[in-house]
Amino acid sequence: MIDMDDTITIDGYINIVNKFLKTNYTYEDIPAYWVDEIVPEKKLPKYLDYFYNKVNIYDYVKINEGAIEVINELTKYYEIVICSAYTDYRYIEDCVNIITYKHKWLLKNLPSVNPDNFIFTSNKSCIKAEIKIDDKISNLEGDAEVKLLMTAYHNKKITNEELKEKNIIRVNTWNDVAEILLNH
């Protein structure tokens, strides 16, 4: 199971926030996991409408270096499942719109992955997989044999000791993923 946002794609959320606010925030300005926490509370309803109804975040993402190439190679040895969250209880009726954008981006950029293996859920604990790759540590919980935490702005402070306790390996790049999973 491979996560999409901040694992395969990067920078979309901060690019959208900066476009909406007409700012130049960097990840150092982000206090927690949710990039939109820097949106002033009075502007949040308009931002959420903008995010879910007016723009396609995947027009603003970059591909994490090496992600496509490594995933294409992994498809030769593993059944690849892309699992991506979408639920936002602050804007529950329209957050489903992002699924269309995610689906179209995956079809275009990862044609080697069977679309039957695209899963859109915010409860990744219900997904059983031998290997999990994600940027959010809570999404790696469970019985996976291999758990890889992709380094992202919000998880850099998680210590090696914490990861070791949870049987999680930190990967900084997709080359790190390839070294672990393709070194047969």
N, C-alpha and C. Protein backbone atom coordinates (compact mmCIF):
# COMPACT_ATOMS: atom_id res chain seq x y z
N MET A 1 0.84 -1.17 0.00
CA MET A 1 0.00 0.00 0.00
C MET A 1 0.89 1.24 0.00
N ILE A 2 0.66 2.10 -0.97
CA ILE A 2 1.44 3.33 -1.09
C ILE A 2 0.50 4.53 -0.99
N ASP A 3 0.84 5.45 -0.12
CA ASP A 3 0.11 6.70 0.02
C ASP A 3 0.42 7.61 -1.17
N MET A 4 -0.44 8.57 -1.39
CA MET A 4 -0.27 9.48 -2.52
C MET A 4 0.32 10.84 -2.10
N ASP A 5 -0.42 11.59 -1.28
CA ASP A 5 -0.03 12.96 -0.94
C ASP A 5 1.14 12.98 0.04
N ASP A 6 2.16 13.76 -0.29
CA ASP A 6 3.40 13.89 0.48
C ASP A 6 4.22 12.60 0.49
N THR A 7 3.87 11.68 -0.39
CA THR A 7 4.64 10.45 -0.57
C THR A 7 5.00 10.31 -2.05
N ILE A 8 3.99 10.25 -2.91
CA ILE A 8 4.22 10.26 -4.36
C ILE A 8 4.26 11.69 -4.87
N THR A 9 3.29 12.49 -4.44
CA THR A 9 3.25 13.90 -4.82
C THR A 9 3.65 14.77 -3.65
N ILE A 10 4.19 15.94 -3.95
CA ILE A 10 4.60 16.87 -2.90
C ILE A 10 4.21 18.29 -3.29
N ASP A 11 4.14 19.15 -2.31
CA ASP A 11 4.01 20.60 -2.45
C ASP A 11 2.63 21.10 -2.87
N GLY A 12 1.70 20.26 -3.18
CA GLY A 12 0.39 20.72 -3.63
C GLY A 12 -0.33 21.56 -2.61
N TYR A 13 -0.39 21.10 -1.38
CA TYR A 13 -1.15 21.81 -0.36
C TYR A 13 -0.57 23.19 -0.08
N ILE A 14 0.73 23.28 0.06
CA ILE A 14 1.32 24.59 0.36
C ILE A 14 1.20 25.52 -0.84
N ASN A 15 1.28 24.97 -2.04
CA ASN A 15 1.11 25.81 -3.24
C ASN A 15 -0.30 26.37 -3.32
N ILE A 16 -1.31 25.57 -2.98
CA ILE A 16 -2.70 26.04 -3.00
C ILE A 16 -2.94 27.10 -1.92
N VAL A 17 -2.42 26.87 -0.71
CA VAL A 17 -2.58 27.86 0.36
C VAL A 17 -1.94 29.18 -0.06
N ASN A 18 -0.73 29.11 -0.61
CA ASN A 18 -0.05 30.34 -1.03
C ASN A 18 -0.80 31.04 -2.16
N LYS A 19 -1.36 30.29 -3.08
CA LYS A 19 -2.13 30.89 -4.17
C LYS A 19 -3.37 31.59 -3.60
N PHE A 20 -4.07 30.92 -2.69
CA PHE A 20 -5.29 31.49 -2.11
C PHE A 20 -4.99 32.74 -1.28
N LEU A 21 -3.98 32.68 -0.45
CA LEU A 21 -3.66 33.79 0.45
C LEU A 21 -2.75 34.84 -0.18
N LYS A 22 -2.21 34.52 -1.37
CA LYS A 22 -1.23 35.40 -2.02
C LYS A 22 -0.02 35.62 -1.10
N THR A 23 0.51 34.49 -0.63
CA THR A 23 1.64 34.49 0.30
C THR A 23 2.76 33.63 -0.27
N ASN A 24 3.83 33.52 0.48
CA ASN A 24 4.98 32.68 0.11
C ASN A 24 5.42 31.83 1.29
N TYR A 25 4.46 31.20 1.97
CA TYR A 25 4.81 30.35 3.09
C TYR A 25 5.70 29.19 2.63
N THR A 26 6.54 28.74 3.54
CA THR A 26 7.34 27.54 3.32
C THR A 26 6.95 26.52 4.38
N TYR A 27 7.46 25.31 4.26
CA TYR A 27 7.12 24.28 5.24
C TYR A 27 7.58 24.63 6.65
N GLU A 28 8.60 25.46 6.77
CA GLU A 28 9.06 25.88 8.09
C GLU A 28 7.98 26.70 8.81
N ASP A 29 7.06 27.28 8.05
CA ASP A 29 5.97 28.08 8.63
C ASP A 29 4.79 27.23 9.09
N ILE A 30 4.79 25.96 8.76
CA ILE A 30 3.65 25.09 9.03
C ILE A 30 3.80 24.51 10.44
N PRO A 31 2.82 24.77 11.33
CA PRO A 31 2.96 24.35 12.72
C PRO A 31 2.67 22.87 12.98
N ALA A 32 1.98 22.19 12.06
CA ALA A 32 1.56 20.81 12.33
C ALA A 32 1.34 20.08 11.01
N TYR A 33 0.62 18.98 11.07
CA TYR A 33 0.36 18.14 9.90
C TYR A 33 -0.43 18.86 8.82
N TRP A 34 -1.47 19.59 9.21
CA TRP A 34 -2.37 20.21 8.24
C TRP A 34 -1.82 21.54 7.78
N VAL A 35 -1.47 21.63 6.51
CA VAL A 35 -0.93 22.86 5.94
C VAL A 35 -1.91 24.02 6.10
N ASP A 36 -3.20 23.74 5.95
CA ASP A 36 -4.17 24.84 5.99
C ASP A 36 -4.38 25.42 7.39
N GLU A 37 -3.64 24.94 8.39
CA GLU A 37 -3.70 25.57 9.71
C GLU A 37 -3.15 26.99 9.69
N ILE A 38 -2.44 27.35 8.64
CA ILE A 38 -1.93 28.73 8.55
C ILE A 38 -2.94 29.68 7.92
N VAL A 39 -4.05 29.14 7.43
CA VAL A 39 -5.12 29.98 6.90
C VAL A 39 -5.85 30.61 8.09
N PRO A 40 -5.98 31.94 8.11
CA PRO A 40 -6.71 32.58 9.22
C PRO A 40 -8.13 32.01 9.34
N GLU A 41 -8.57 31.82 10.58
CA GLU A 41 -9.85 31.16 10.84
C GLU A 41 -11.01 31.81 10.08
N LYS A 42 -11.02 33.13 10.00
CA LYS A 42 -12.13 33.81 9.31
C LYS A 42 -12.13 33.55 7.80
N LYS A 43 -10.98 33.17 7.26
CA LYS A 43 -10.88 32.88 5.82
C LYS A 43 -11.04 31.39 5.51
N LEU A 44 -11.08 30.56 6.55
CA LEU A 44 -11.10 29.11 6.34
C LEU A 44 -12.31 28.62 5.54
N PRO A 45 -13.53 29.06 5.81
CA PRO A 45 -14.66 28.59 4.99
C PRO A 45 -14.48 28.88 3.50
N LYS A 46 -14.01 30.10 3.17
CA LYS A 46 -13.77 30.43 1.75
C LYS A 46 -12.63 29.59 1.19
N TYR A 47 -11.61 29.37 2.00
CA TYR A 47 -10.48 28.55 1.54
C TYR A 47 -10.96 27.12 1.24
N LEU A 48 -11.73 26.53 2.13
CA LEU A 48 -12.19 25.16 1.92
C LEU A 48 -13.06 25.05 0.67
N ASP A 49 -13.92 26.04 0.44
CA ASP A 49 -14.71 26.06 -0.78
C ASP A 49 -13.80 26.15 -2.00
N TYR A 50 -12.83 27.04 -1.91
CA TYR A 50 -11.84 27.20 -2.99
C TYR A 50 -11.11 25.88 -3.24
N PHE A 51 -10.61 25.28 -2.18
CA PHE A 51 -9.81 24.06 -2.30
C PHE A 51 -10.62 22.91 -2.92
N TYR A 52 -11.84 22.70 -2.44
CA TYR A 52 -12.60 21.54 -2.89
C TYR A 52 -13.46 21.79 -4.14
N ASN A 53 -13.72 23.05 -4.47
CA ASN A 53 -14.64 23.32 -5.58
C ASN A 53 -14.08 24.18 -6.71
N LYS A 54 -12.96 24.85 -6.49
CA LYS A 54 -12.50 25.80 -7.49
C LYS A 54 -11.15 25.45 -8.13
N VAL A 55 -10.35 24.66 -7.45
CA VAL A 55 -9.02 24.30 -7.99
C VAL A 55 -8.82 22.79 -7.89
N ASN A 56 -7.94 22.32 -8.73
CA ASN A 56 -7.51 20.93 -8.68
C ASN A 56 -6.10 20.92 -8.10
N ILE A 57 -5.95 20.44 -6.90
CA ILE A 57 -4.64 20.43 -6.24
C ILE A 57 -3.58 19.76 -7.09
N TYR A 58 -3.98 18.78 -7.88
CA TYR A 58 -2.99 18.02 -8.65
C TYR A 58 -2.46 18.79 -9.85
N ASP A 59 -3.00 19.98 -10.10
CA ASP A 59 -2.39 20.90 -11.06
C ASP A 59 -1.24 21.65 -10.41
N TYR A 60 -1.09 21.53 -9.09
CA TYR A 60 -0.09 22.29 -8.34
C TYR A 60 0.94 21.41 -7.64
N VAL A 61 0.87 20.11 -7.82
CA VAL A 61 1.82 19.22 -7.16
C VAL A 61 3.08 19.05 -8.00
N LYS A 62 4.11 18.62 -7.32
CA LYS A 62 5.32 18.12 -7.97
C LYS A 62 5.35 16.63 -7.68
N ILE A 63 6.01 15.89 -8.53
CA ILE A 63 6.19 14.47 -8.27
C ILE A 63 7.45 14.31 -7.43
N ASN A 64 7.31 13.60 -6.33
CA ASN A 64 8.45 13.33 -5.47
C ASN A 64 9.50 12.60 -6.30
N GLU A 65 10.72 13.12 -6.29
CA GLU A 65 11.78 12.62 -7.17
C GLU A 65 11.94 11.10 -7.07
N GLY A 66 11.87 10.46 -8.22
CA GLY A 66 12.06 9.01 -8.30
C GLY A 66 10.81 8.19 -8.05
N ALA A 67 9.72 8.83 -7.60
CA ALA A 67 8.52 8.07 -7.22
C ALA A 67 7.96 7.25 -8.38
N ILE A 68 7.77 7.86 -9.51
CA ILE A 68 7.14 7.17 -10.64
C ILE A 68 8.02 6.02 -11.11
N GLU A 69 9.31 6.27 -11.25
CA GLU A 69 10.23 5.23 -11.73
C GLU A 69 10.28 4.04 -10.77
N VAL A 70 10.37 4.33 -9.48
CA VAL A 70 10.45 3.24 -8.50
C VAL A 70 9.13 2.47 -8.44
N ILE A 71 8.02 3.17 -8.44
CA ILE A 71 6.73 2.47 -8.40
C ILE A 71 6.56 1.61 -9.66
N ASN A 72 6.94 2.14 -10.80
CA ASN A 72 6.86 1.32 -12.03
C ASN A 72 7.69 0.06 -11.90
N GLU A 73 8.86 0.16 -11.30
CA GLU A 73 9.71 -1.02 -11.10
C GLU A 73 9.08 -1.96 -10.07
N LEU A 74 8.51 -1.40 -9.02
CA LEU A 74 7.86 -2.23 -7.99
C LEU A 74 6.71 -3.05 -8.56
N THR A 75 6.02 -2.53 -9.58
CA THR A 75 4.89 -3.27 -10.17
C THR A 75 5.34 -4.58 -10.80
N LYS A 76 6.62 -4.72 -11.08
CA LYS A 76 7.14 -5.97 -11.66
C LYS A 76 7.25 -7.07 -10.61
N TYR A 77 7.27 -6.70 -9.33
CA TYR A 77 7.49 -7.66 -8.26
C TYR A 77 6.37 -7.72 -7.22
N TYR A 78 5.55 -6.67 -7.16
CA TYR A 78 4.53 -6.56 -6.14
C TYR A 78 3.20 -6.13 -6.76
N GLU A 79 2.11 -6.49 -6.10
CA GLU A 79 0.82 -5.91 -6.47
C GLU A 79 0.73 -4.56 -5.76
N ILE A 80 0.74 -3.51 -6.53
CA ILE A 80 0.75 -2.16 -5.98
C ILE A 80 -0.67 -1.67 -5.77
N VAL A 81 -0.90 -1.15 -4.57
CA VAL A 81 -2.18 -0.54 -4.21
C VAL A 81 -1.87 0.89 -3.78
N ILE A 82 -2.55 1.84 -4.40
CA ILE A 82 -2.43 3.24 -3.98
C ILE A 82 -3.62 3.54 -3.08
N CYS A 83 -3.33 4.00 -1.87
CA CYS A 83 -4.39 4.29 -0.90
C CYS A 83 -4.24 5.74 -0.47
N SER A 84 -5.26 6.54 -0.74
CA SER A 84 -5.17 7.97 -0.48
C SER A 84 -6.40 8.47 0.28
N ALA A 85 -6.13 9.30 1.26
CA ALA A 85 -7.21 9.87 2.09
C ALA A 85 -7.89 11.02 1.36
N TYR A 86 -9.14 11.27 1.76
CA TYR A 86 -9.86 12.39 1.17
C TYR A 86 -10.85 13.04 2.13
N THR A 87 -11.22 12.39 3.21
CA THR A 87 -12.27 12.90 4.08
C THR A 87 -11.81 14.12 4.87
N ASP A 88 -12.60 15.17 4.80
CA ASP A 88 -12.37 16.38 5.57
C ASP A 88 -13.71 16.74 6.22
N TYR A 89 -13.83 16.46 7.50
CA TYR A 89 -15.10 16.66 8.19
C TYR A 89 -15.50 18.13 8.31
N ARG A 90 -14.57 19.03 8.04
CA ARG A 90 -14.91 20.45 8.05
C ARG A 90 -15.71 20.82 6.79
N TYR A 91 -15.61 20.00 5.77
CA TYR A 91 -16.26 20.30 4.48
C TYR A 91 -16.72 18.98 3.88
N ILE A 92 -17.45 18.23 4.65
CA ILE A 92 -17.75 16.83 4.36
C ILE A 92 -18.51 16.60 3.06
N GLU A 93 -19.40 17.49 2.68
CA GLU A 93 -20.18 17.25 1.47
C GLU A 93 -19.37 17.39 0.19
N ASP A 94 -18.41 18.30 0.17
CA ASP A 94 -17.68 18.55 -1.06
C ASP A 94 -16.28 17.94 -1.09
N CYS A 95 -15.80 17.42 0.03
CA CYS A 95 -14.44 16.86 0.01
C CYS A 95 -14.32 15.67 -0.93
N VAL A 96 -15.43 15.04 -1.23
CA VAL A 96 -15.42 13.91 -2.15
C VAL A 96 -14.95 14.31 -3.55
N ASN A 97 -15.07 15.60 -3.89
CA ASN A 97 -14.64 16.07 -5.21
C ASN A 97 -13.18 15.76 -5.49
N ILE A 98 -12.36 15.74 -4.46
CA ILE A 98 -10.93 15.51 -4.66
C ILE A 98 -10.63 14.11 -5.18
N ILE A 99 -11.54 13.17 -4.95
CA ILE A 99 -11.32 11.81 -5.44
C ILE A 99 -11.17 11.80 -6.97
N THR A 100 -11.99 12.56 -7.65
CA THR A 100 -11.89 12.64 -9.12
C THR A 100 -10.51 13.12 -9.53
N TYR A 101 -10.01 14.15 -8.86
CA TYR A 101 -8.69 14.68 -9.20
C TYR A 101 -7.60 13.65 -8.93
N LYS A 102 -7.69 12.99 -7.80
CA LYS A 102 -6.71 11.96 -7.45
C LYS A 102 -6.73 10.84 -8.50
N HIS A 103 -7.93 10.37 -8.83
CA HIS A 103 -8.09 9.27 -9.77
C HIS A 103 -7.50 9.62 -11.14
N LYS A 104 -7.82 10.80 -11.64
CA LYS A 104 -7.31 11.22 -12.96
C LYS A 104 -5.79 11.37 -12.94
N TRP A 105 -5.25 11.92 -11.84
CA TRP A 105 -3.80 12.08 -11.75
C TRP A 105 -3.11 10.71 -11.75
N LEU A 106 -3.65 9.78 -11.00
CA LEU A 106 -3.06 8.43 -10.96
C LEU A 106 -3.12 7.75 -12.32
N LEU A 107 -4.26 7.85 -13.00
CA LEU A 107 -4.38 7.25 -14.33
C LEU A 107 -3.33 7.81 -15.29
N LYS A 108 -3.13 9.11 -15.24
CA LYS A 108 -2.18 9.76 -16.14
C LYS A 108 -0.73 9.45 -15.80
N ASN A 109 -0.40 9.49 -14.53
CA ASN A 109 1.00 9.41 -14.11
C ASN A 109 1.47 8.02 -13.70
N LEU A 110 0.55 7.13 -13.37
CA LEU A 110 0.93 5.77 -12.98
C LEU A 110 0.10 4.74 -13.74
N PRO A 111 0.19 4.73 -15.07
CA PRO A 111 -0.59 3.76 -15.84
C PRO A 111 -0.18 2.31 -15.57
N SER A 112 0.97 2.10 -14.95
CA SER A 112 1.41 0.75 -14.64
C SER A 112 0.66 0.15 -13.45
N VAL A 113 -0.08 0.98 -12.71
CA VAL A 113 -0.84 0.50 -11.55
C VAL A 113 -2.29 0.31 -11.99
N ASN A 114 -2.82 -0.87 -11.70
CA ASN A 114 -4.19 -1.20 -12.05
C ASN A 114 -5.16 -0.27 -11.31
N PRO A 115 -6.05 0.43 -12.03
CA PRO A 115 -7.01 1.33 -11.36
C PRO A 115 -7.90 0.62 -10.35
N ASP A 116 -8.07 -0.70 -10.48
CA ASP A 116 -8.81 -1.44 -9.46
C ASP A 116 -8.10 -1.37 -8.11
N ASN A 117 -6.83 -1.00 -8.12
CA ASN A 117 -6.02 -0.93 -6.91
C ASN A 117 -5.86 0.50 -6.39
N PHE A 118 -6.75 1.38 -6.79
CA PHE A 118 -6.81 2.73 -6.22
C PHE A 118 -7.87 2.68 -5.12
N ILE A 119 -7.47 2.98 -3.90
CA ILE A 119 -8.39 2.98 -2.77
C ILE A 119 -8.41 4.38 -2.18
N PHE A 120 -9.61 4.92 -2.00
CA PHE A 120 -9.76 6.24 -1.42
C PHE A 120 -10.51 6.10 -0.10
N THR A 121 -9.77 6.24 0.99
CA THR A 121 -10.34 6.12 2.33
C THR A 121 -9.45 6.90 3.29
N SER A 122 -10.04 7.44 4.30
CA SER A 122 -9.23 8.11 5.32
C SER A 122 -8.96 7.19 6.50
N ASN A 123 -9.49 5.98 6.44
CA ASN A 123 -9.24 4.98 7.49
C ASN A 123 -8.32 3.91 6.93
N LYS A 124 -7.04 4.22 6.88
CA LYS A 124 -6.09 3.28 6.30
C LYS A 124 -5.82 2.08 7.19
N SER A 125 -6.27 2.13 8.43
CA SER A 125 -6.07 0.98 9.32
C SER A 125 -6.88 -0.23 8.85
N CYS A 126 -7.88 -0.01 8.01
CA CYS A 126 -8.68 -1.13 7.51
C CYS A 126 -8.01 -1.83 6.33
N ILE A 127 -6.90 -1.30 5.85
CA ILE A 127 -6.20 -1.87 4.71
C ILE A 127 -5.10 -2.80 5.21
N LYS A 128 -5.20 -4.05 4.82
CA LYS A 128 -4.18 -5.04 5.18
C LYS A 128 -3.18 -5.13 4.02
N ALA A 129 -1.92 -4.98 4.34
CA ALA A 129 -0.89 -5.02 3.31
C ALA A 129 0.41 -5.53 3.92
N GLU A 130 1.21 -6.20 3.11
CA GLU A 130 2.52 -6.66 3.56
C GLU A 130 3.49 -5.50 3.70
N ILE A 131 3.32 -4.50 2.82
CA ILE A 131 4.20 -3.33 2.80
C ILE A 131 3.34 -2.08 2.80
N LYS A 132 3.70 -1.13 3.67
CA LYS A 132 3.02 0.16 3.69
C LYS A 132 4.06 1.27 3.58
N ILE A 133 3.76 2.22 2.70
CA ILE A 133 4.62 3.39 2.52
C ILE A 133 3.74 4.62 2.69
N ASP A 134 4.05 5.47 3.66
CA ASP A 134 3.20 6.62 3.96
C ASP A 134 4.05 7.69 4.64
N ASP A 135 3.58 8.92 4.63
CA ASP A 135 4.25 10.00 5.34
C ASP A 135 3.67 10.23 6.73
N LYS A 136 2.54 9.61 7.02
CA LYS A 136 1.87 9.81 8.30
C LYS A 136 2.02 8.54 9.13
N ILE A 137 2.64 8.66 10.27
CA ILE A 137 3.00 7.49 11.08
C ILE A 137 1.77 6.68 11.50
N SER A 138 0.66 7.34 11.79
CA SER A 138 -0.54 6.61 12.20
C SER A 138 -1.09 5.73 11.08
N ASN A 139 -0.79 6.06 9.84
CA ASN A 139 -1.25 5.23 8.72
C ASN A 139 -0.41 3.97 8.54
N LEU A 140 0.68 3.88 9.28
CA LEU A 140 1.54 2.70 9.19
C LEU A 140 1.27 1.69 10.30
N GLU A 141 0.31 1.99 11.15
CA GLU A 141 0.00 1.08 12.24
C GLU A 141 -0.62 -0.19 11.67
N GLY A 142 -0.46 -1.27 12.40
CA GLY A 142 -1.01 -2.54 11.96
C GLY A 142 0.08 -3.57 11.75
N ASP A 143 -0.27 -4.63 11.04
CA ASP A 143 0.59 -5.80 10.95
C ASP A 143 1.45 -5.90 9.70
N ALA A 144 1.66 -4.83 8.98
CA ALA A 144 2.48 -4.89 7.78
C ALA A 144 3.88 -5.40 8.13
N GLU A 145 4.44 -6.22 7.25
CA GLU A 145 5.79 -6.74 7.46
C GLU A 145 6.83 -5.63 7.32
N VAL A 146 6.61 -4.75 6.35
CA VAL A 146 7.52 -3.64 6.09
C VAL A 146 6.73 -2.34 6.15
N LYS A 147 7.18 -1.43 7.01
CA LYS A 147 6.52 -0.14 7.16
C LYS A 147 7.57 0.95 6.90
N LEU A 148 7.33 1.74 5.85
CA LEU A 148 8.28 2.77 5.46
C LEU A 148 7.64 4.14 5.64
N LEU A 149 8.28 4.99 6.43
CA LEU A 149 7.81 6.35 6.65
C LEU A 149 8.58 7.28 5.73
N MET A 150 7.88 7.85 4.75
CA MET A 150 8.51 8.82 3.85
C MET A 150 8.67 10.14 4.60
N THR A 151 9.88 10.64 4.66
CA THR A 151 10.14 11.89 5.35
C THR A 151 9.36 13.02 4.69
N ALA A 152 8.68 13.81 5.53
CA ALA A 152 7.93 14.98 5.08
C ALA A 152 8.07 16.06 6.15
N TYR A 153 7.67 17.26 5.82
CA TYR A 153 7.83 18.40 6.72
C TYR A 153 7.28 18.14 8.12
N HIS A 154 6.21 17.37 8.22
CA HIS A 154 5.51 17.20 9.50
C HIS A 154 6.02 16.02 10.32
N ASN A 155 6.91 15.19 9.78
CA ASN A 155 7.35 14.02 10.55
C ASN A 155 8.85 14.01 10.82
N LYS A 156 9.52 15.09 10.53
CA LYS A 156 10.98 15.13 10.70
C LYS A 156 11.43 15.00 12.15
N LYS A 157 10.55 15.38 13.08
CA LYS A 157 10.93 15.35 14.50
C LYS A 157 10.68 14.00 15.15
N ILE A 158 10.11 13.07 14.42
CA ILE A 158 9.91 11.72 14.97
C ILE A 158 11.28 11.06 15.06
N THR A 159 11.62 10.60 16.24
CA THR A 159 12.97 10.07 16.47
C THR A 159 13.11 8.64 15.94
N ASN A 160 14.36 8.26 15.72
CA ASN A 160 14.65 6.89 15.30
C ASN A 160 14.20 5.89 16.35
N GLU A 161 14.26 6.27 17.63
CA GLU A 161 13.82 5.39 18.70
C GLU A 161 12.31 5.13 18.61
N GLU A 162 11.54 6.20 18.35
CA GLU A 162 10.09 6.05 18.19
C GLU A 162 9.77 5.14 17.01
N LEU A 163 10.49 5.33 15.92
CA LEU A 163 10.25 4.51 14.73
C LEU A 163 10.61 3.05 15.00
N LYS A 164 11.72 2.85 15.68
CA LYS A 164 12.16 1.48 15.99
C LYS A 164 11.14 0.76 16.85
N GLU A 165 10.57 1.46 17.84
CA GLU A 165 9.55 0.86 18.71
C GLU A 165 8.34 0.38 17.91
N LYS A 166 8.04 1.07 16.80
CA LYS A 166 6.88 0.74 15.99
C LYS A 166 7.25 -0.10 14.76
N ASN A 167 8.52 -0.52 14.70
CA ASN A 167 9.00 -1.33 13.59
C ASN A 167 8.83 -0.60 12.25
N ILE A 168 9.17 0.68 12.25
CA ILE A 168 9.05 1.53 11.07
C ILE A 168 10.43 1.98 10.64
N ILE A 169 10.66 1.96 9.34
CA ILE A 169 11.92 2.42 8.75
C ILE A 169 11.67 3.76 8.07
N ARG A 170 12.49 4.74 8.37
CA ARG A 170 12.38 6.04 7.69
C ARG A 170 13.07 5.94 6.33
N VAL A 171 12.40 6.48 5.32
CA VAL A 171 13.00 6.62 3.99
C VAL A 171 12.92 8.09 3.62
N ASN A 172 14.03 8.62 3.13
CA ASN A 172 14.08 10.03 2.76
C ASN A 172 13.79 10.26 1.29
N THR A 173 14.01 9.22 0.49
CA THR A 173 13.84 9.35 -0.95
C THR A 173 13.24 8.05 -1.50
N TRP A 174 12.79 8.13 -2.74
CA TRP A 174 12.32 6.92 -3.40
C TRP A 174 13.47 5.98 -3.73
N ASN A 175 14.69 6.50 -3.82
CA ASN A 175 15.84 5.61 -3.98
C ASN A 175 16.02 4.74 -2.74
N ASP A 176 15.73 5.31 -1.55
CA ASP A 176 15.78 4.52 -0.32
C ASP A 176 14.75 3.39 -0.38
N VAL A 177 13.56 3.69 -0.90
CA VAL A 177 12.51 2.68 -1.04
C VAL A 177 13.01 1.57 -1.97
N ALA A 178 13.60 1.95 -3.09
CA ALA A 178 14.09 0.97 -4.05
C ALA A 178 15.15 0.08 -3.42
N GLU A 179 16.06 0.66 -2.64
CA GLU A 179 17.12 -0.13 -1.99
C GLU A 179 16.51 -1.18 -1.07
N ILE A 180 15.46 -0.85 -0.37
CA ILE A 180 14.84 -1.77 0.58
C ILE A 180 14.00 -2.83 -0.14
N LEU A 181 13.18 -2.42 -1.11
CA LEU A 181 12.20 -3.33 -1.70
C LEU A 181 12.65 -4.00 -2.99
N LEU A 182 13.67 -3.48 -3.64
CA LEU A 182 14.09 -4.06 -4.92
C LEU A 182 15.45 -4.75 -4.85
N ASN A 183 16.02 -4.81 -3.68
CA ASN A 183 17.29 -5.49 -3.48
C ASN A 183 17.06 -6.98 -3.27
N HIS A 184 16.67 -7.66 -4.33
CA HIS A 184 16.33 -9.10 -4.23
C HIS A 184 17.58 -9.93 -4.17
